[in-house]
Amino acid sequence: MRAHDTDRNDNNDLVDVDPYDDGCFPEFGFKQAPKGLATRRQLRAMNLSPGGQEPVAQLTWRGGKRKAWLYRIDLAKPKRTPTLAQERALDRAMAARQTCPECGRRYFHCLRLRSVGSCEECFDGTPADPGSYIAPTAA
């Protein structure tokens, strides 16, 4: 292998280039975004979603380590509401993750069923806070 062949395969010189970035994409610091722009979380808090629009700016904080896209609020669409059947399916899925297979308690958090296989109390005797679960119903 020749010396110049190894230079071509050296990945240290690669640069991440966005071909669509023309350098004029607005970037704002923490709490400096203008009115009318919001992040996905902020839109969600207003019961809105981006609705297919592309981001119009970027929000950066913590020295550029954290970033979020900013969307126009006036182009956002109302958040979709799930149907009753979808809500029922989600509740069944969450119940499966929150219910201990040994004692039948449904906790308000997901259990480590893959690694532990049960709630902490059934696994190692650590007492559970009575306010952290719903007692099983006698059927």
C-alpha atoms as a PDB file:
ATOM      1  CA  MET A   1       0.000   0.000   0.000  1.00  0.00           C
ATOM      2  CA  ARG A   2       1.344   3.384  -0.942  1.00  0.00           C
ATOM      3  CA  ALA A   3       1.521   6.323   1.489  1.00  0.00           C
ATOM      4  CA  HIS A   4      -1.056   8.425  -0.358  1.00  0.00           C
ATOM      5  CA  ASP A   5      -3.562   5.506  -0.326  1.00  0.00           C
ATOM      6  CA  THR A   6      -3.679   5.557   3.471  1.00  0.00           C
ATOM      7  CA  ASP A   7      -4.284   9.317   3.431  1.00  0.00           C
ATOM      8  CA  ARG A   8      -7.449   8.853   1.369  1.00  0.00           C
ATOM      9  CA  ASN A   9      -8.882   6.360   3.857  1.00  0.00           C
ATOM     10  CA  ASP A  10      -8.114   8.530   6.868  1.00  0.00           C
ATOM     11  CA  ASN A  11     -11.516   9.531   8.335  1.00  0.00           C
ATOM     12  CA  ASN A  12     -10.090  12.251  10.564  1.00  0.00           C
ATOM     13  CA  ASP A  13     -10.368  14.824   7.769  1.00  0.00           C
ATOM     14  CA  LEU A  14     -14.077  14.261   7.106  1.00  0.00           C
ATOM     15  CA  VAL A  15     -16.340  17.242   7.723  1.00  0.00           C
ATOM     16  CA  ASP A  16     -20.080  16.971   8.349  1.00  0.00           C
ATOM     17  CA  VAL A  17     -21.626  19.292   5.767  1.00  0.00           C
ATOM     18  CA  ASP A  18     -25.330  19.904   5.320  1.00  0.00           C
ATOM     19  CA  PRO A  19     -25.856  20.598   1.604  1.00  0.00           C
ATOM     20  CA  TYR A  20     -29.130  22.412   2.361  1.00  0.00           C
ATOM     21  CA  ASP A  21     -27.638  24.781   4.953  1.00  0.00           C
ATOM     22  CA  ASP A  22     -26.841  28.101   3.331  1.00  0.00           C
ATOM     23  CA  GLY A  23     -25.575  29.618   6.583  1.00  0.00           C
ATOM     24  CA  CYS A  24     -28.586  31.848   7.171  1.00  0.00           C
ATOM     25  CA  PHE A  25     -30.626  29.494   9.400  1.00  0.00           C
ATOM     26  CA  PRO A  26     -31.435  31.647  12.438  1.00  0.00           C
ATOM     27  CA  GLU A  27     -30.025  30.508  15.765  1.00  0.00           C
ATOM     28  CA  PHE A  28     -31.112  31.925  19.110  1.00  0.00           C
ATOM     29  CA  GLY A  29     -29.720  31.553  22.603  1.00  0.00           C
ATOM     30  CA  PHE A  30     -31.617  30.584  25.740  1.00  0.00           C
ATOM     31  CA  LYS A  31     -34.671  32.839  26.287  1.00  0.00           C
ATOM     32  CA  GLN A  32     -33.803  34.893  23.191  1.00  0.00           C
ATOM     33  CA  ALA A  33     -36.249  33.413  20.671  1.00  0.00           C
ATOM     34  CA  PRO A  34     -38.677  35.985  19.245  1.00  0.00           C
ATOM     35  CA  LYS A  35     -42.420  35.871  19.894  1.00  0.00           C
ATOM     36  CA  GLY A  36     -44.291  33.605  17.530  1.00  0.00           C
ATOM     37  CA  LEU A  37     -41.749  30.745  17.663  1.00  0.00           C
ATOM     38  CA  ALA A  38     -41.938  27.722  19.946  1.00  0.00           C
ATOM     39  CA  THR A  39     -40.269  24.353  20.486  1.00  0.00           C
ATOM     40  CA  ARG A  40     -42.170  21.074  20.142  1.00  0.00           C
ATOM     41  CA  ARG A  41     -42.617  20.891  23.911  1.00  0.00           C
ATOM     42  CA  GLN A  42     -43.954  24.417  24.045  1.00  0.00           C
ATOM     43  CA  LEU A  43     -46.349  23.637  21.194  1.00  0.00           C
ATOM     44  CA  ARG A  44     -47.456  20.482  23.002  1.00  0.00           C
ATOM     45  CA  ALA A  45     -48.181  22.547  26.145  1.00  0.00           C
ATOM     46  CA  MET A  46     -50.447  24.752  23.991  1.00  0.00           C
ATOM     47  CA  ASN A  47     -52.215  21.612  22.626  1.00  0.00           C
ATOM     48  CA  LEU A  48     -50.600  22.188  19.227  1.00  0.00           C
ATOM     49  CA  SER A  49     -48.251  20.217  16.971  1.00  0.00           C
ATOM     50  CA  PRO A  50     -45.909  21.398  14.198  1.00  0.00           C
ATOM     51  CA  GLY A  51     -48.381  19.987  11.677  1.00  0.00           C
ATOM     52  CA  GLY A  52     -45.813  19.044   9.026  1.00  0.00           C
ATOM     53  CA  GLN A  53     -44.064  22.419   8.859  1.00  0.00           C
ATOM     54  CA  GLU A  54     -40.282  22.582   8.718  1.00  0.00           C
ATOM     55  CA  PRO A  55     -38.401  24.280  11.578  1.00  0.00           C
ATOM     56  CA  VAL A  56     -37.648  27.940  10.949  1.00  0.00           C
ATOM     57  CA  ALA A  57     -34.918  28.464  13.554  1.00  0.00           C
ATOM     58  CA  GLN A  58     -32.818  26.725  16.159  1.00  0.00           C
ATOM     59  CA  LEU A  59     -32.576  27.292  19.897  1.00  0.00           C
ATOM     60  CA  THR A  60     -29.244  26.547  21.596  1.00  0.00           C
ATOM     61  CA  TRP A  61     -28.234  26.589  25.240  1.00  0.00           C
ATOM     62  CA  ARG A  62     -25.517  25.232  27.553  1.00  0.00           C
ATOM     63  CA  GLY A  63     -22.775  26.457  25.271  1.00  0.00           C
ATOM     64  CA  GLY A  64     -24.293  24.921  22.157  1.00  0.00           C
ATOM     65  CA  LYS A  65     -24.442  21.418  23.655  1.00  0.00           C
ATOM     66  CA  ARG A  66     -28.258  21.445  23.780  1.00  0.00           C
ATOM     67  CA  LYS A  67     -30.378  22.298  20.761  1.00  0.00           C
ATOM     68  CA  ALA A  68     -34.048  22.416  19.826  1.00  0.00           C
ATOM     69  CA  TRP A  69     -35.921  23.306  16.668  1.00  0.00           C
ATOM     70  CA  LEU A  70     -38.231  26.302  16.666  1.00  0.00           C
ATOM     71  CA  TYR A  71     -41.530  26.283  14.779  1.00  0.00           C
ATOM     72  CA  ARG A  72     -43.971  29.050  13.858  1.00  0.00           C
ATOM     73  CA  ILE A  73     -46.961  29.060  16.193  1.00  0.00           C
ATOM     74  CA  ASP A  74     -49.311  30.533  13.568  1.00  0.00           C
ATOM     75  CA  LEU A  75     -48.700  27.531  11.259  1.00  0.00           C
ATOM     76  CA  ALA A  76     -49.102  24.927  14.030  1.00  0.00           C
ATOM     77  CA  LYS A  77     -52.127  22.645  13.974  1.00  0.00           C
ATOM     78  CA  PRO A  78     -54.271  21.393  16.872  1.00  0.00           C
ATOM     79  CA  LYS A  79     -52.907  18.293  18.568  1.00  0.00           C
ATOM     80  CA  ARG A  80     -54.697  15.128  17.502  1.00  0.00           C
ATOM     81  CA  THR A  81     -56.792  13.501  20.202  1.00  0.00           C
ATOM     82  CA  PRO A  82     -56.738   9.717  20.422  1.00  0.00           C
ATOM     83  CA  THR A  83     -59.929   7.736  19.977  1.00  0.00           C
ATOM     84  CA  LEU A  84     -61.426   5.887  22.915  1.00  0.00           C
ATOM     85  CA  ALA A  85     -60.164   2.585  21.501  1.00  0.00           C
ATOM     86  CA  GLN A  86     -56.613   3.998  21.232  1.00  0.00           C
ATOM     87  CA  GLU A  87     -56.747   5.243  24.826  1.00  0.00           C
ATOM     88  CA  ARG A  88     -57.996   1.846  25.984  1.00  0.00           C
ATOM     89  CA  ALA A  89     -55.145   0.091  24.132  1.00  0.00           C
ATOM     90  CA  LEU A  90     -52.572   2.455  25.654  1.00  0.00           C
ATOM     91  CA  ASP A  91     -53.993   1.862  29.140  1.00  0.00           C
ATOM     92  CA  ARG A  92     -53.778  -1.924  28.676  1.00  0.00           C
ATOM     93  CA  ALA A  93     -50.166  -1.616  27.492  1.00  0.00           C
ATOM     94  CA  MET A  94     -49.225   0.574  30.463  1.00  0.00           C
ATOM     95  CA  ALA A  95     -51.042  -1.758  32.867  1.00  0.00           C
ATOM     96  CA  ALA A  96     -48.893  -4.626  31.625  1.00  0.00           C
ATOM     97  CA  ARG A  97     -45.727  -2.627  32.409  1.00  0.00           C
ATOM     98  CA  GLN A  98     -46.966  -1.347  35.779  1.00  0.00           C
ATOM     99  CA  THR A  99     -48.556  -4.473  37.299  1.00  0.00           C
ATOM    100  CA  CYS A 100     -46.507  -6.905  39.365  1.00  0.00           C
ATOM    101  CA  PRO A 101     -47.153 -10.479  38.191  1.00  0.00           C
ATOM    102  CA  GLU A 102     -46.619 -11.865  41.721  1.00  0.00           C
ATOM    103  CA  CYS A 103     -48.680  -9.614  44.007  1.00  0.00           C
ATOM    104  CA  GLY A 104     -50.994  -8.018  41.406  1.00  0.00           C
ATOM    105  CA  ARG A 105     -50.411  -4.416  42.532  1.00  0.00           C
ATOM    106  CA  ARG A 106     -50.516  -1.761  39.804  1.00  0.00           C
ATOM    107  CA  TYR A 107     -47.855   0.855  40.459  1.00  0.00           C
ATOM    108  CA  PHE A 108     -47.889   4.449  39.228  1.00  0.00           C
ATOM    109  CA  HIS A 109     -44.508   3.835  37.534  1.00  0.00           C
ATOM    110  CA  CYS A 110     -43.214   1.139  35.201  1.00  0.00           C
ATOM    111  CA  LEU A 111     -41.627  -1.873  36.856  1.00  0.00           C
ATOM    112  CA  ARG A 112     -38.335  -3.482  35.886  1.00  0.00           C
ATOM    113  CA  LEU A 113     -40.031  -6.651  34.710  1.00  0.00           C
ATOM    114  CA  ARG A 114     -37.324  -7.711  32.247  1.00  0.00           C
ATOM    115  CA  SER A 115     -34.457  -7.537  34.720  1.00  0.00           C
ATOM    116  CA  VAL A 116     -36.182  -8.132  38.064  1.00  0.00           C
ATOM    117  CA  GLY A 117     -39.469  -9.769  37.059  1.00  0.00           C
ATOM    118  CA  SER A 118     -41.570  -8.246  39.825  1.00  0.00           C
ATOM    119  CA  CYS A 119     -41.932  -5.210  42.079  1.00  0.00           C
ATOM    120  CA  GLU A 120     -39.153  -4.416  44.555  1.00  0.00           C
ATOM    121  CA  GLU A 121     -41.176  -5.706  47.504  1.00  0.00           C
ATOM    122  CA  CYS A 122     -41.717  -9.112  45.904  1.00  0.00           C
ATOM    123  CA  PHE A 123     -38.129  -9.222  44.628  1.00  0.00           C
ATOM    124  CA  ASP A 124     -36.099  -8.337  47.701  1.00  0.00           C
ATOM    125  CA  GLY A 125     -38.563  -7.377  50.435  1.00  0.00           C
ATOM    126  CA  THR A 126     -38.100  -3.594  50.149  1.00  0.00           C
ATOM    127  CA  PRO A 127     -41.398  -2.205  51.448  1.00  0.00           C
ATOM    128  CA  ALA A 128     -43.426  -0.285  48.882  1.00  0.00           C
ATOM    129  CA  ASP A 129     -44.988   3.054  49.761  1.00  0.00           C
ATOM    130  CA  PRO A 130     -48.771   2.488  49.902  1.00  0.00           C
ATOM    131  CA  GLY A 131     -49.234   5.724  47.940  1.00  0.00           C
ATOM    132  CA  SER A 132     -47.225   4.376  44.993  1.00  0.00           C
ATOM    133  CA  TYR A 133     -49.617   1.640  43.889  1.00  0.00           C
ATOM    134  CA  ILE A 134     -53.234   0.592  43.546  1.00  0.00           C
ATOM    135  CA  ALA A 135     -54.081  -2.529  45.517  1.00  0.00           C
ATOM    136  CA  PRO A 136     -55.351  -5.457  43.447  1.00  0.00           C
ATOM    137  CA  THR A 137     -59.102  -5.848  43.286  1.00  0.00           C
ATOM    138  CA  ALA A 138     -60.646  -9.010  44.631  1.00  0.00           C
ATOM    139  CA  ALA A 139     -62.316 -10.695  41.683  1.00  0.00           C
END
